[in-house]
C-alpha atoms as a PDB file:
ATOM      1  CA  MET A   1    -130.893  13.285 -47.735  1.00  0.00           C
ATOM      2  CA  ILE A   2    -132.804  10.347 -46.276  1.00  0.00           C
ATOM      3  CA  GLY A   3    -135.741   9.556 -48.532  1.00  0.00           C
ATOM      4  CA  LEU A   4    -134.049   9.562 -51.937  1.00  0.00           C
ATOM      5  CA  ARG A   5    -134.904   5.950 -52.694  1.00  0.00           C
ATOM      6  CA  SER A   6    -135.329   5.722 -56.467  1.00  0.00           C
ATOM      7  CA  TRP A   7    -132.763   7.115 -58.917  1.00  0.00           C
ATOM      8  CA  LEU A   8    -134.089   6.716 -62.471  1.00  0.00           C
ATOM      9  CA  PHE A   9    -131.718   6.987 -65.418  1.00  0.00           C
ATOM     10  CA  VAL A  10    -133.122   8.916 -68.404  1.00  0.00           C
ATOM     11  CA  PRO A  11    -131.160   9.290 -71.675  1.00  0.00           C
ATOM     12  CA  ALA A  12    -130.451  13.000 -72.091  1.00  0.00           C
ATOM     13  CA  ASP A  13    -130.870  12.914 -75.881  1.00  0.00           C
ATOM     14  CA  SER A  14    -134.430  11.573 -75.884  1.00  0.00           C
ATOM     15  CA  ASP A  15    -137.187  14.214 -75.889  1.00  0.00           C
ATOM     16  CA  ARG A  16    -139.806  11.491 -75.511  1.00  0.00           C
ATOM     17  CA  LYS A  17    -138.235   9.794 -72.506  1.00  0.00           C
ATOM     18  CA  ILE A  18    -137.477  13.081 -70.769  1.00  0.00           C
ATOM     19  CA  ALA A  19    -141.077  14.218 -71.275  1.00  0.00           C
ATOM     20  CA  ARG A  20    -142.408  10.938 -69.891  1.00  0.00           C
ATOM     21  CA  SER A  21    -140.208  11.323 -66.828  1.00  0.00           C
ATOM     22  CA  ALA A  22    -141.989  14.532 -65.821  1.00  0.00           C
ATOM     23  CA  ASP A  23    -144.727  12.513 -64.102  1.00  0.00           C
ATOM     24  CA  SER A  24    -142.390   9.927 -62.607  1.00  0.00           C
ATOM     25  CA  ALA A  25    -142.585   9.039 -58.923  1.00  0.00           C
ATOM     26  CA  ALA A  26    -138.788   8.738 -58.888  1.00  0.00           C
ATOM     27  CA  ASP A  27    -137.148  10.691 -56.108  1.00  0.00           C
ATOM     28  CA  VAL A  28    -134.290  11.535 -58.481  1.00  0.00           C
ATOM     29  CA  LEU A  29    -134.068  11.611 -62.265  1.00  0.00           C
ATOM     30  CA  ILE A  30    -130.521  11.068 -63.504  1.00  0.00           C
ATOM     31  CA  LEU A  31    -130.373  12.743 -66.912  1.00  0.00           C
ATOM     32  CA  ASP A  32    -127.589  10.771 -68.529  1.00  0.00           C
ATOM     33  CA  LEU A  33    -124.954  12.291 -70.787  1.00  0.00           C
ATOM     34  CA  GLU A  34    -122.563   9.342 -70.497  1.00  0.00           C
ATOM     35  CA  ASP A  35    -123.326   5.743 -71.475  1.00  0.00           C
ATOM     36  CA  ALA A  36    -126.902   6.342 -72.671  1.00  0.00           C
ATOM     37  CA  VAL A  37    -125.823   8.854 -75.330  1.00  0.00           C
ATOM     38  CA  ALA A  38    -123.862   7.924 -78.457  1.00  0.00           C
ATOM     39  CA  PRO A  39    -120.681   9.974 -79.018  1.00  0.00           C
ATOM     40  CA  GLY A  40    -122.149  11.685 -82.067  1.00  0.00           C
ATOM     41  CA  ARG A  41    -125.167  12.909 -80.089  1.00  0.00           C
ATOM     42  CA  LYS A  42    -123.419  14.391 -77.058  1.00  0.00           C
ATOM     43  CA  THR A  43    -123.694  17.982 -78.298  1.00  0.00           C
ATOM     44  CA  ILE A  44    -127.395  17.584 -79.095  1.00  0.00           C
ATOM     45  CA  ALA A  45    -127.993  16.029 -75.682  1.00  0.00           C
ATOM     46  CA  ARG A  46    -126.233  18.873 -73.859  1.00  0.00           C
ATOM     47  CA  GLY A  47    -128.398  21.493 -75.543  1.00  0.00           C
ATOM     48  CA  LEU A  48    -131.590  19.557 -74.909  1.00  0.00           C
ATOM     49  CA  LEU A  49    -130.669  18.972 -71.297  1.00  0.00           C
ATOM     50  CA  ARG A  50    -129.902  22.621 -70.656  1.00  0.00           C
ATOM     51  CA  ASP A  51    -133.356  23.547 -71.987  1.00  0.00           C
ATOM     52  CA  VAL A  52    -135.013  20.894 -69.800  1.00  0.00           C
ATOM     53  CA  LEU A  53    -133.268  22.105 -66.652  1.00  0.00           C
ATOM     54  CA  THR A  54    -134.027  25.753 -67.380  1.00  0.00           C
ATOM     55  CA  ALA A  55    -137.709  24.938 -67.962  1.00  0.00           C
ATOM     56  CA  ARG A  56    -137.931  23.193 -64.576  1.00  0.00           C
ATOM     57  CA  PRO A  57    -136.614  25.549 -61.871  1.00  0.00           C
ATOM     58  CA  ARG A  58    -135.463  23.819 -58.695  1.00  0.00           C
ATOM     59  CA  GLU A  59    -138.394  25.016 -56.612  1.00  0.00           C
ATOM     60  CA  THR A  60    -140.953  23.518 -59.046  1.00  0.00           C
ATOM     61  CA  ARG A  61    -139.393  20.097 -59.609  1.00  0.00           C
ATOM     62  CA  ARG A  62    -141.445  17.041 -58.684  1.00  0.00           C
ATOM     63  CA  SER A  63    -138.286  14.922 -58.755  1.00  0.00           C
ATOM     64  CA  ARG A  64    -134.771  16.158 -58.185  1.00  0.00           C
ATOM     65  CA  LEU A  65    -132.857  16.513 -61.433  1.00  0.00           C
ATOM     66  CA  TRP A  66    -129.312  15.208 -61.433  1.00  0.00           C
ATOM     67  CA  VAL A  67    -126.978  14.871 -64.407  1.00  0.00           C
ATOM     68  CA  ARG A  68    -124.539  12.046 -65.062  1.00  0.00           C
ATOM     69  CA  ILE A  69    -121.628  13.659 -66.801  1.00  0.00           C
ATOM     70  CA  ASN A  70    -118.867  11.973 -68.750  1.00  0.00           C
ATOM     71  CA  PRO A  71    -115.641  11.027 -66.917  1.00  0.00           C
ATOM     72  CA  LEU A  72    -113.521  13.907 -65.637  1.00  0.00           C
ATOM     73  CA  ASP A  73    -110.720  13.238 -68.106  1.00  0.00           C
ATOM     74  CA  ASP A  74    -113.145  12.946 -71.018  1.00  0.00           C
ATOM     75  CA  ALA A  75    -115.911  15.484 -71.753  1.00  0.00           C
ATOM     76  CA  ALA A  76    -116.974  16.457 -68.231  1.00  0.00           C
ATOM     77  CA  LEU A  77    -116.104  20.137 -68.592  1.00  0.00           C
ATOM     78  CA  ASP A  78    -118.146  20.407 -71.785  1.00  0.00           C
ATOM     79  CA  ASP A  79    -121.068  18.762 -69.987  1.00  0.00           C
ATOM     80  CA  LEU A  80    -120.856  21.111 -67.019  1.00  0.00           C
ATOM     81  CA  ALA A  81    -120.539  24.209 -69.167  1.00  0.00           C
ATOM     82  CA  ALA A  82    -123.777  23.232 -70.892  1.00  0.00           C
ATOM     83  CA  VAL A  83    -125.904  22.171 -67.911  1.00  0.00           C
ATOM     84  CA  MET A  84    -124.825  24.244 -64.920  1.00  0.00           C
ATOM     85  CA  PRO A  85    -126.763  27.373 -66.031  1.00  0.00           C
ATOM     86  CA  GLY A  86    -129.869  25.190 -65.607  1.00  0.00           C
ATOM     87  CA  ALA A  87    -129.064  24.511 -61.930  1.00  0.00           C
ATOM     88  CA  PRO A  88    -129.076  20.707 -61.683  1.00  0.00           C
ATOM     89  CA  ASP A  89    -129.603  19.458 -58.141  1.00  0.00           C
ATOM     90  CA  GLY A  90    -126.584  17.205 -58.360  1.00  0.00           C
ATOM     91  CA  ILE A  91    -123.929  15.607 -60.518  1.00  0.00           C
ATOM     92  CA  VAL A  92    -123.344  11.874 -60.847  1.00  0.00           C
ATOM     93  CA  VAL A  93    -119.695  11.370 -61.751  1.00  0.00           C
ATOM     94  CA  PRO A  94    -118.608   8.035 -63.255  1.00  0.00           C
ATOM     95  CA  LYS A  95    -115.305   6.158 -63.188  1.00  0.00           C
ATOM     96  CA  VAL A  96    -113.725   7.946 -60.240  1.00  0.00           C
ATOM     97  CA  ASP A  97    -110.516   6.461 -58.855  1.00  0.00           C
ATOM     98  CA  HIS A  98    -110.270   8.359 -55.572  1.00  0.00           C
ATOM     99  CA  PRO A  99    -111.951  11.061 -53.462  1.00  0.00           C
ATOM    100  CA  ARG A 100    -109.446  13.452 -55.041  1.00  0.00           C
ATOM    101  CA  ASP A 101    -111.662  13.248 -58.125  1.00  0.00           C
ATOM    102  CA  VAL A 102    -114.578  14.557 -56.041  1.00  0.00           C
ATOM    103  CA  VAL A 103    -112.411  17.425 -54.821  1.00  0.00           C
ATOM    104  CA  ARG A 104    -111.455  18.218 -58.415  1.00  0.00           C
ATOM    105  CA  LEU A 105    -115.088  18.203 -59.537  1.00  0.00           C
ATOM    106  CA  SER A 106    -116.061  20.319 -56.532  1.00  0.00           C
ATOM    107  CA  HIS A 107    -113.569  23.017 -57.539  1.00  0.00           C
ATOM    108  CA  TRP A 108    -115.062  23.057 -61.033  1.00  0.00           C
ATOM    109  CA  LEU A 109    -118.550  23.370 -59.572  1.00  0.00           C
ATOM    110  CA  ASP A 110    -117.423  26.312 -57.437  1.00  0.00           C
ATOM    111  CA  ALA A 111    -116.535  28.170 -60.627  1.00  0.00           C
ATOM    112  CA  PHE A 112    -119.628  27.140 -62.589  1.00  0.00           C
ATOM    113  CA  GLU A 113    -121.982  28.063 -59.722  1.00  0.00           C
ATOM    114  CA  ALA A 114    -120.381  31.488 -59.435  1.00  0.00           C
ATOM    115  CA  ALA A 115    -120.655  32.049 -63.185  1.00  0.00           C
ATOM    116  CA  ALA A 116    -124.318  30.997 -63.220  1.00  0.00           C
ATOM    117  CA  GLY A 117    -125.273  32.988 -60.120  1.00  0.00           C
ATOM    118  CA  LEU A 118    -126.131  29.857 -58.143  1.00  0.00           C
ATOM    119  CA  LYS A 119    -125.764  29.501 -54.399  1.00  0.00           C
ATOM    120  CA  ALA A 120    -122.259  28.298 -53.558  1.00  0.00           C
ATOM    121  CA  GLY A 121    -122.218  24.600 -52.712  1.00  0.00           C
ATOM    122  CA  SER A 122    -125.794  24.002 -53.880  1.00  0.00           C
ATOM    123  CA  THR A 123    -124.869  21.270 -56.380  1.00  0.00           C
ATOM    124  CA  SER A 124    -124.297  17.873 -54.767  1.00  0.00           C
ATOM    125  CA  ILE A 125    -122.097  15.021 -56.003  1.00  0.00           C
ATOM    126  CA  LEU A 126    -122.708  11.268 -56.200  1.00  0.00           C
ATOM    127  CA  PRO A 127    -119.654   9.285 -57.371  1.00  0.00           C
ATOM    128  CA  VAL A 128    -119.977   5.874 -58.967  1.00  0.00           C
ATOM    129  CA  ALA A 129    -117.168   4.711 -56.746  1.00  0.00           C
ATOM    130  CA  THR A 130    -116.215   1.219 -57.968  1.00  0.00           C
ATOM    131  CA  GLU A 131    -115.986   1.351 -61.753  1.00  0.00           C
ATOM    132  CA  THR A 132    -112.182   1.140 -62.057  1.00  0.00           C
ATOM    133  CA  PRO A 133    -109.810  -1.474 -60.584  1.00  0.00           C
ATOM    134  CA  ALA A 134    -108.191   1.180 -58.371  1.00  0.00           C
ATOM    135  CA  ALA A 135    -111.424   2.672 -57.038  1.00  0.00           C
ATOM    136  CA  PRO A 136    -112.450   0.054 -54.418  1.00  0.00           C
ATOM    137  CA  PHE A 137    -109.112   0.452 -52.637  1.00  0.00           C
ATOM    138  CA  ALA A 138    -109.838   4.166 -52.040  1.00  0.00           C
ATOM    139  CA  LEU A 139    -113.346   3.789 -50.627  1.00  0.00           C
ATOM    140  CA  GLY A 140    -112.228   4.266 -47.030  1.00  0.00           C
ATOM    141  CA  ASP A 141    -110.693   7.624 -47.915  1.00  0.00           C
ATOM    142  CA  TYR A 142    -114.091   9.264 -48.476  1.00  0.00           C
ATOM    143  CA  ALA A 143    -114.402   9.551 -44.695  1.00  0.00           C
ATOM    144  CA  ARG A 144    -110.883  10.946 -44.234  1.00  0.00           C
ATOM    145  CA  GLN A 145    -111.210  14.348 -45.877  1.00  0.00           C
ATOM    146  CA  PRO A 146    -113.856  17.088 -45.997  1.00  0.00           C
ATOM    147  CA  LEU A 147    -116.154  16.615 -48.986  1.00  0.00           C
ATOM    148  CA  PRO A 148    -119.075  18.964 -48.301  1.00  0.00           C
ATOM    149  CA  ARG A 149    -120.739  18.320 -51.669  1.00  0.00           C
ATOM    150  CA  LEU A 150    -120.678  14.537 -51.247  1.00  0.00           C
ATOM    151  CA  ALA A 151    -124.289  13.320 -51.033  1.00  0.00           C
ATOM    152  CA  GLY A 152    -123.686   9.596 -51.251  1.00  0.00           C
ATOM    153  CA  LEU A 153    -121.813   6.748 -52.863  1.00  0.00           C
ATOM    154  CA  THR A 154    -123.038   4.228 -55.375  1.00  0.00           C
ATOM    155  CA  TRP A 155    -121.346   1.350 -57.099  1.00  0.00           C
ATOM    156  CA  GLY A 156    -121.420  -0.343 -60.478  1.00  0.00           C
ATOM    157  CA  ALA A 157    -120.557  -3.822 -61.689  1.00  0.00           C
ATOM    158  CA  GLU A 158    -120.668  -3.493 -65.478  1.00  0.00           C
ATOM    159  CA  ASP A 159    -117.750  -1.115 -66.014  1.00  0.00           C
ATOM    160  CA  LEU A 160    -115.707  -2.822 -63.311  1.00  0.00           C
ATOM    161  CA  SER A 161    -116.106  -6.237 -64.917  1.00  0.00           C
ATOM    162  CA  THR A 162    -115.058  -4.761 -68.255  1.00  0.00           C
ATOM    163  CA  ALA A 163    -112.051  -3.061 -66.660  1.00  0.00           C
ATOM    164  CA  VAL A 164    -110.769  -6.269 -65.076  1.00  0.00           C
ATOM    165  CA  GLY A 165    -111.367  -8.353 -68.211  1.00  0.00           C
ATOM    166  CA  ALA A 166    -114.093 -10.544 -66.725  1.00  0.00           C
ATOM    167  CA  SER A 167    -116.491 -12.451 -68.953  1.00  0.00           C
ATOM    168  CA  THR A 168    -119.236 -12.131 -66.327  1.00  0.00           C
ATOM    169  CA  ASN A 169    -119.865 -10.422 -62.992  1.00  0.00           C
ATOM    170  CA  LEU A 170    -122.225 -13.155 -61.792  1.00  0.00           C
ATOM    171  CA  ASP A 171    -121.611 -16.372 -59.901  1.00  0.00           C
ATOM    172  CA  PRO A 172    -123.023 -19.761 -61.040  1.00  0.00           C
ATOM    173  CA  ALA A 173    -126.171 -19.190 -58.982  1.00  0.00           C
ATOM    174  CA  GLY A 174    -126.900 -15.892 -60.715  1.00  0.00           C
ATOM    175  CA  GLY A 175    -125.879 -13.582 -57.860  1.00  0.00           C
ATOM    176  CA  TRP A 176    -122.952 -11.214 -57.816  1.00  0.00           C
ATOM    177  CA  ALA A 177    -119.556 -12.903 -58.012  1.00  0.00           C
ATOM    178  CA  PHE A 178    -117.240 -12.383 -55.052  1.00  0.00           C
ATOM    179  CA  THR A 179    -115.366  -9.382 -56.485  1.00  0.00           C
ATOM    180  CA  TYR A 180    -118.628  -7.476 -56.955  1.00  0.00           C
ATOM    181  CA  ARG A 181    -120.087  -8.501 -53.585  1.00  0.00           C
ATOM    182  CA  MET A 182    -116.900  -7.155 -52.031  1.00  0.00           C
ATOM    183  CA  ALA A 183    -117.182  -3.852 -53.931  1.00  0.00           C
ATOM    184  CA  ARG A 184    -120.849  -3.518 -52.950  1.00  0.00           C
ATOM    185  CA  SER A 185    -120.208  -4.122 -49.248  1.00  0.00           C
ATOM    186  CA  ALA A 186    -117.232  -1.781 -49.238  1.00  0.00           C
ATOM    187  CA  THR A 187    -119.367   0.952 -50.808  1.00  0.00           C
ATOM    188  CA  LEU A 188    -121.983   0.583 -48.074  1.00  0.00           C
ATOM    189  CA  LEU A 189    -119.349   0.757 -45.342  1.00  0.00           C
ATOM    190  CA  ALA A 190    -117.610   3.721 -46.958  1.00  0.00           C
ATOM    191  CA  ALA A 191    -120.870   5.638 -47.258  1.00  0.00           C
ATOM    192  CA  ARG A 192    -121.713   5.037 -43.621  1.00  0.00           C
ATOM    193  CA  ALA A 193    -118.204   6.027 -42.539  1.00  0.00           C
ATOM    194  CA  ALA A 194    -118.522   9.258 -44.512  1.00  0.00           C
ATOM    195  CA  GLY A 195    -122.036   9.942 -43.209  1.00  0.00           C
ATOM    196  CA  VAL A 196    -123.682   9.956 -46.654  1.00  0.00           C
ATOM    197  CA  MET A 197    -126.271   7.912 -48.555  1.00  0.00           C
ATOM    198  CA  ALA A 198    -125.516   4.413 -49.827  1.00  0.00           C
ATOM    199  CA  ILE A 199    -127.235   3.780 -53.173  1.00  0.00           C
ATOM    200  CA  ASP A 200    -127.369   0.223 -54.521  1.00  0.00           C
ATOM    201  CA  THR A 201    -126.732  -0.489 -58.179  1.00  0.00           C
ATOM    202  CA  LEU A 202    -129.271  -1.408 -60.825  1.00  0.00           C
ATOM    203  CA  TYR A 203    -131.372  -4.574 -61.067  1.00  0.00           C
ATOM    204  CA  ALA A 204    -130.974  -5.593 -64.693  1.00  0.00           C
ATOM    205  CA  ASP A 205    -134.243  -7.484 -65.338  1.00  0.00           C
ATOM    206  CA  PHE A 206    -136.778  -4.633 -65.376  1.00  0.00           C
ATOM    207  CA  ARG A 207    -139.616  -7.123 -66.000  1.00  0.00           C
ATOM    208  CA  ASP A 208    -138.982  -9.023 -62.751  1.00  0.00           C
ATOM    209  CA  ALA A 209    -140.902  -6.886 -60.264  1.00  0.00           C
ATOM    210  CA  ASP A 210    -141.046  -9.598 -57.599  1.00  0.00           C
ATOM    211  CA  GLY A 211    -137.305 -10.203 -57.752  1.00  0.00           C
ATOM    212  CA  LEU A 212    -136.601  -6.471 -57.633  1.00  0.00           C
ATOM    213  CA  LEU A 213    -138.864  -5.972 -54.624  1.00  0.00           C
ATOM    214  CA  ALA A 214    -137.210  -8.813 -52.698  1.00  0.00           C
ATOM    215  CA  SER A 215    -133.776  -7.507 -53.623  1.00  0.00           C
ATOM    216  CA  CYS A 216    -134.644  -3.962 -52.507  1.00  0.00           C
ATOM    217  CA  ARG A 217    -136.033  -5.135 -49.199  1.00  0.00           C
ATOM    218  CA  ALA A 218    -132.864  -7.125 -48.601  1.00  0.00           C
ATOM    219  CA  ALA A 219    -130.701  -4.127 -49.522  1.00  0.00           C
ATOM    220  CA  ALA A 220    -132.689  -1.861 -47.209  1.00  0.00           C
ATOM    221  CA  ALA A 221    -132.277  -4.369 -44.385  1.00  0.00           C
ATOM    222  CA  GLU A 222    -128.511  -4.322 -44.993  1.00  0.00           C
ATOM    223  CA  GLY A 223    -128.429  -0.532 -44.717  1.00  0.00           C
ATOM    224  CA  PHE A 224    -128.728   0.833 -48.259  1.00  0.00           C
ATOM    225  CA  ASP A 225    -130.881   3.942 -48.680  1.00  0.00           C
ATOM    226  CA  GLY A 226    -132.029   3.552 -52.268  1.00  0.00           C
ATOM    227  CA  ARG A 227    -131.383   2.068 -55.675  1.00  0.00           C
ATOM    228  CA  ILE A 228    -130.746   2.982 -59.276  1.00  0.00           C
ATOM    229  CA  ALA A 229    -133.570   2.283 -61.741  1.00  0.00           C
ATOM    230  CA  ILE A 230    -133.068   1.681 -65.445  1.00  0.00           C
ATOM    231  CA  HIS A 231    -136.765   1.591 -66.428  1.00  0.00           C
ATOM    232  CA  PRO A 232    -139.783   3.609 -65.217  1.00  0.00           C
ATOM    233  CA  ALA A 233    -141.552   0.354 -64.263  1.00  0.00           C
ATOM    234  CA  GLN A 234    -138.963  -0.158 -61.514  1.00  0.00           C
ATOM    235  CA  VAL A 235    -139.590   3.122 -59.708  1.00  0.00           C
ATOM    236  CA  ASP A 236    -142.672   2.252 -57.628  1.00  0.00           C
ATOM    237  CA  VAL A 237    -141.175  -1.122 -56.717  1.00  0.00           C
ATOM    238  CA  ILE A 238    -137.942   0.483 -55.501  1.00  0.00           C
ATOM    239  CA  ASN A 239    -139.836   3.133 -53.546  1.00  0.00           C
ATOM    240  CA  ALA A 240    -141.866   0.438 -51.826  1.00  0.00           C
ATOM    241  CA  GLY A 241    -138.870  -1.797 -51.193  1.00  0.00           C
ATOM    242  CA  PHE A 242    -136.989   0.955 -49.372  1.00  0.00           C
ATOM    243  CA  ALA A 243    -139.953   2.154 -47.315  1.00  0.00           C
ATOM    244  CA  PRO A 244    -140.240   0.485 -43.882  1.00  0.00           C
ATOM    245  CA  SER A 245    -143.166  -1.890 -43.419  1.00  0.00           C
ATOM    246  CA  ASP A 246    -146.031  -1.004 -41.084  1.00  0.00           C
ATOM    247  CA  ASP A 247    -144.768  -3.604 -38.601  1.00  0.00           C
ATOM    248  CA  ALA A 248    -141.269  -2.109 -38.650  1.00  0.00           C
ATOM    249  CA  VAL A 249    -142.644   1.390 -38.095  1.00  0.00           C
ATOM    250  CA  HIS A 250    -144.857   0.217 -35.228  1.00  0.00           C
ATOM    251  CA  HIS A 251    -141.925  -1.508 -33.522  1.00  0.00           C
ATOM    252  CA  ALA A 252    -139.657   1.505 -34.021  1.00  0.00           C
ATOM    253  CA  ARG A 253    -142.203   3.801 -32.415  1.00  0.00           C
ATOM    254  CA  ARG A 254    -142.462   1.519 -29.406  1.00  0.00           C
ATOM    255  CA  VAL A 255    -138.668   1.470 -29.046  1.00  0.00           C
ATOM    256  CA  VAL A 256    -138.449   5.261 -29.181  1.00  0.00           C
ATOM    257  CA  GLU A 257    -141.328   5.635 -26.745  1.00  0.00           C
ATOM    258  CA  ALA A 258    -139.765   3.146 -24.325  1.00  0.00           C
ATOM    259  CA  PHE A 259    -136.478   5.041 -24.244  1.00  0.00           C
ATOM    260  CA  ALA A 260    -138.328   8.358 -23.915  1.00  0.00           C
ATOM    261  CA  ALA A 261    -140.117   6.976 -20.845  1.00  0.00           C
ATOM    262  CA  SER A 262    -136.735   6.172 -19.233  1.00  0.00           C
ATOM    263  CA  PRO A 263    -134.493   9.038 -20.389  1.00  0.00           C
ATOM    264  CA  ASP A 264    -131.645   8.138 -18.031  1.00  0.00           C
ATOM    265  CA  ALA A 265    -131.516   4.477 -19.010  1.00  0.00           C
ATOM    266  CA  GLY A 266    -128.866   3.078 -21.337  1.00  0.00           C
ATOM    267  CA  THR A 267    -130.755  -0.182 -21.706  1.00  0.00           C
ATOM    268  CA  ILE A 268    -134.438  -1.068 -21.533  1.00  0.00           C
ATOM    269  CA  GLY A 269    -136.508  -4.220 -21.747  1.00  0.00           C
ATOM    270  CA  LEU A 270    -139.130  -4.597 -24.464  1.00  0.00           C
ATOM    271  CA  ASP A 271    -141.025  -7.792 -25.324  1.00  0.00           C
ATOM    272  CA  GLY A 272    -138.529  -9.897 -23.413  1.00  0.00           C
ATOM    273  CA  ARG A 273    -135.474  -8.406 -25.143  1.00  0.00           C
ATOM    274  CA  MET A 274    -132.825  -6.053 -23.823  1.00  0.00           C
ATOM    275  CA  LEU A 275    -132.320  -3.020 -26.057  1.00  0.00           C
ATOM    276  CA  ASP A 276    -129.537  -0.439 -25.892  1.00  0.00           C
ATOM    277  CA  ILE A 277    -128.661   2.820 -27.619  1.00  0.00           C
ATOM    278  CA  PRO A 278    -127.793   1.263 -31.019  1.00  0.00           C
ATOM    279  CA  HIS A 279    -131.338  -0.161 -31.111  1.00  0.00           C
ATOM    280  CA  LEU A 280    -132.681   3.331 -30.423  1.00  0.00           C
ATOM    281  CA  ARG A 281    -130.610   4.769 -33.271  1.00  0.00           C
ATOM    282  CA  GLN A 282    -131.901   2.039 -35.615  1.00  0.00           C
ATOM    283  CA  ALA A 283    -135.483   2.814 -34.599  1.00  0.00           C
ATOM    284  CA  GLU A 284    -134.973   6.534 -35.185  1.00  0.00           C
ATOM    285  CA  ARG A 285    -133.610   5.791 -38.653  1.00  0.00           C
ATOM    286  CA  VAL A 286    -136.643   3.625 -39.483  1.00  0.00           C
ATOM    287  CA  LEU A 287    -138.958   6.472 -38.462  1.00  0.00           C
ATOM    288  CA  ALA A 288    -136.985   8.976 -40.525  1.00  0.00           C
ATOM    289  CA  ARG A 289    -137.219   6.707 -43.571  1.00  0.00           C
ATOM    290  CA  HIS A 290    -140.956   6.266 -42.942  1.00  0.00           C
ATOM    291  CA  ALA A 291    -141.508  10.028 -42.697  1.00  0.00           C
ATOM    292  CA  ALA A 292    -139.669  10.524 -45.983  1.00  0.00           C
ATOM    293  CA  ALA A 293    -141.708   7.771 -47.649  1.00  0.00           C
ATOM    294  CA  VAL A 294    -144.967   9.304 -46.448  1.00  0.00           C
ATOM    295  CA  HIS A 295    -143.848  12.660 -47.790  1.00  0.00           C
ATOM    296  CA  ARG A 296    -143.227  11.080 -51.209  1.00  0.00           C
ATOM    297  CA  GLY A 297    -146.555   9.253 -51.045  1.00  0.00           C
ATOM    298  CA  LEU A 298    -145.724   5.518 -51.118  1.00  0.00           C
ATOM    299  CA  SER A 299    -145.182   2.975 -48.362  1.00  0.00           C
ATOM    300  CA  SER A 300    -143.767  -0.538 -48.539  1.00  0.00           C
ATOM    301  CA  ASP A 301    -147.219  -2.016 -47.963  1.00  0.00           C
ATOM    302  CA  ASP A 302    -148.553  -0.391 -51.152  1.00  0.00           C
ATOM    303  CA  ILE A 303    -146.937  -3.199 -53.175  1.00  0.00           C
ATOM    304  CA  SER A 304    -147.574  -6.778 -52.175  1.00  0.00           C
ATOM    305  CA  GLU A 305    -145.500  -9.848 -52.787  1.00  0.00           C
END
């Protein structure tokens, strides 16, 4: 699923915001039944969301439509019963403690897909994998058991800071405090170990486009594939920040071409540097990300500093 860079949250109980999202350049719309919807409006939101999904069949969707359900031990089954007939592309599941929660959700999806006449296994899962104190300790286990529906891992700082009783999740300089930097890095490593996408968490100041762009470029350089957006204004910036620059694409092509010219070589020289197979794999990944960005219609050079 390389190429899913921007994941825009949309409150599932807002007709206006859902309608506005139809023209979004977001790769994924996360129609939110959890934190964005007040408890008294959950039933209304489920009905609205089912109608939205049904009106936008999978094959006609500009953006993929995912649903963030409520936690598994809360109202998740009610959410799934309402939305699965509309064939969401995926489910974002909050507050998981362990990959066993993904297995549990997967079994539920097996039943709901069969009941709705959907292709078995066609609904993917993205856990928010760091929102409880226990969750970060289980991140390595995502690579240790088969999870065919697992599309990626993302992390969150707000619920985790609440769960541990912190007054802030930031350090004095305004960056993530150590606990949250650790959770973020562990999520990236766990996603790579499991062979799935690594999706960075939200950037809270939706008015700070320059800061968001710099942050996205740094996250992409670290290895993240995309980022959560909390406002439509963030979508184009995130898409650009996770698309390789023209210079990076040019260099990657030269690396691939150099190895192709010497197919039996494990190392090659290019511009005075020795490159080996890991450099080739990095170059191939850059080109795959570029191809996905071109397909979605926005490159990193479409937004300047």
